[in-house]
Amino acid sequence: MPNTTTPDPADRLSSGDIARTLLWMVVVASAVTNMAASFGGADTWVHLVCGAVTVLCAGTLVVRNLRGRR
């Protein structure tokens, strides 16, 4: 008979883990897009949007980390 066990609740992904992963993905994607825009000679507004998205997501990650330490 196969060994079937229920997963430990500590092993499950929480919504915080998913949010942190998505934020990191957006930070990396916006930074890479900004770099590609630099090499491609894109308009200034593209750089500003990418930079704003990167700063907002990175700031959110910092705030979430600091709040998690309390």
C-alpha atoms as a PDB file:
ATOM      1  CA  MET A   1       0.000   0.000   0.000  1.00  0.00           C
ATOM      2  CA  PRO A   2       1.490   3.377  -0.945  1.00  0.00           C
ATOM      3  CA  ASN A   3       2.366   5.784   1.785  1.00  0.00           C
ATOM      4  CA  THR A   4      -0.121   8.646   1.514  1.00  0.00           C
ATOM      5  CA  THR A   5       0.235  11.455   3.965  1.00  0.00           C
ATOM      6  CA  THR A   6      -1.340  14.836   4.091  1.00  0.00           C
ATOM      7  CA  PRO A   7       1.034  17.735   3.591  1.00  0.00           C
ATOM      8  CA  ASP A   8       2.187  19.548   6.669  1.00  0.00           C
ATOM      9  CA  PRO A   9       0.550  22.999   6.931  1.00  0.00           C
ATOM     10  CA  ALA A  10       4.032  24.508   7.306  1.00  0.00           C
ATOM     11  CA  ASP A  11       4.927  23.170   3.827  1.00  0.00           C
ATOM     12  CA  ARG A  12       2.051  24.920   2.063  1.00  0.00           C
ATOM     13  CA  LEU A  13       2.510  28.181   0.226  1.00  0.00           C
ATOM     14  CA  SER A  14       0.932  31.168   1.892  1.00  0.00           C
ATOM     15  CA  SER A  15      -0.471  34.166   0.089  1.00  0.00           C
ATOM     16  CA  GLY A  16       2.501  36.155   1.411  1.00  0.00           C
ATOM     17  CA  ASP A  17       4.929  33.762  -0.266  1.00  0.00           C
ATOM     18  CA  ILE A  18       3.090  34.059  -3.551  1.00  0.00           C
ATOM     19  CA  ALA A  19       2.970  37.863  -3.325  1.00  0.00           C
ATOM     20  CA  ARG A  20       6.698  38.050  -2.549  1.00  0.00           C
ATOM     21  CA  THR A  21       7.518  35.820  -5.505  1.00  0.00           C
ATOM     22  CA  LEU A  22       5.348  37.873  -7.863  1.00  0.00           C
ATOM     23  CA  LEU A  23       6.893  41.122  -6.616  1.00  0.00           C
ATOM     24  CA  TRP A  24      10.400  39.775  -7.258  1.00  0.00           C
ATOM     25  CA  MET A  25       9.374  38.653 -10.730  1.00  0.00           C
ATOM     26  CA  VAL A  26       8.027  42.128 -11.531  1.00  0.00           C
ATOM     27  CA  VAL A  27      11.194  43.789 -10.156  1.00  0.00           C
ATOM     28  CA  VAL A  28      13.419  41.636 -12.345  1.00  0.00           C
ATOM     29  CA  ALA A  29      11.190  42.009 -15.412  1.00  0.00           C
ATOM     30  CA  SER A  30      11.004  45.791 -15.113  1.00  0.00           C
ATOM     31  CA  ALA A  31      14.752  46.101 -14.560  1.00  0.00           C
ATOM     32  CA  VAL A  32      15.471  43.930 -17.609  1.00  0.00           C
ATOM     33  CA  THR A  33      12.943  45.906 -19.663  1.00  0.00           C
ATOM     34  CA  ASN A  34      14.598  49.147 -18.587  1.00  0.00           C
ATOM     35  CA  MET A  35      18.005  47.787 -19.592  1.00  0.00           C
ATOM     36  CA  ALA A  36      16.659  46.644 -22.961  1.00  0.00           C
ATOM     37  CA  ALA A  37      15.076  50.055 -23.476  1.00  0.00           C
ATOM     38  CA  SER A  38      18.447  51.663 -22.793  1.00  0.00           C
ATOM     39  CA  PHE A  39      20.163  49.562 -25.438  1.00  0.00           C
ATOM     40  CA  GLY A  40      17.279  50.038 -27.861  1.00  0.00           C
ATOM     41  CA  GLY A  41      17.156  53.803 -27.553  1.00  0.00           C
ATOM     42  CA  ALA A  42      13.558  53.976 -26.330  1.00  0.00           C
ATOM     43  CA  ASP A  43      11.774  57.153 -25.323  1.00  0.00           C
ATOM     44  CA  THR A  44      12.240  58.645 -21.884  1.00  0.00           C
ATOM     45  CA  TRP A  45       8.750  57.718 -20.727  1.00  0.00           C
ATOM     46  CA  VAL A  46       9.592  54.010 -21.104  1.00  0.00           C
ATOM     47  CA  HIS A  47      12.533  54.414 -18.732  1.00  0.00           C
ATOM     48  CA  LEU A  48      10.426  56.387 -16.274  1.00  0.00           C
ATOM     49  CA  VAL A  49       7.649  53.799 -16.209  1.00  0.00           C
ATOM     50  CA  CYS A  50      10.077  50.907 -15.786  1.00  0.00           C
ATOM     51  CA  GLY A  51      11.955  52.749 -13.068  1.00  0.00           C
ATOM     52  CA  ALA A  52       8.757  53.646 -11.216  1.00  0.00           C
ATOM     53  CA  VAL A  53       7.539  50.043 -11.316  1.00  0.00           C
ATOM     54  CA  THR A  54      10.909  48.804 -10.072  1.00  0.00           C
ATOM     55  CA  VAL A  55      11.013  51.311  -7.207  1.00  0.00           C
ATOM     56  CA  LEU A  56       7.411  50.638  -6.148  1.00  0.00           C
ATOM     57  CA  CYS A  57       7.851  46.867  -6.114  1.00  0.00           C
ATOM     58  CA  ALA A  58      11.226  47.026  -4.365  1.00  0.00           C
ATOM     59  CA  GLY A  59       9.793  49.424  -1.792  1.00  0.00           C
ATOM     60  CA  THR A  60       6.870  47.083  -1.202  1.00  0.00           C
ATOM     61  CA  LEU A  61       9.288  44.195  -0.655  1.00  0.00           C
ATOM     62  CA  VAL A  62      11.258  46.257   1.884  1.00  0.00           C
ATOM     63  CA  VAL A  63       8.124  47.305   3.776  1.00  0.00           C
ATOM     64  CA  ARG A  64       6.821  43.734   3.859  1.00  0.00           C
ATOM     65  CA  ASN A  65      10.186  42.525   5.158  1.00  0.00           C
ATOM     66  CA  LEU A  66      10.341  45.169   7.876  1.00  0.00           C
ATOM     67  CA  ARG A  67       6.759  44.509   8.983  1.00  0.00           C
ATOM     68  CA  GLY A  68       7.465  40.775   9.097  1.00  0.00           C
ATOM     69  CA  ARG A  69      10.218  41.290  11.657  1.00  0.00           C
ATOM     70  CA  ARG A  70       7.854  42.663  14.283  1.00  0.00           C
END
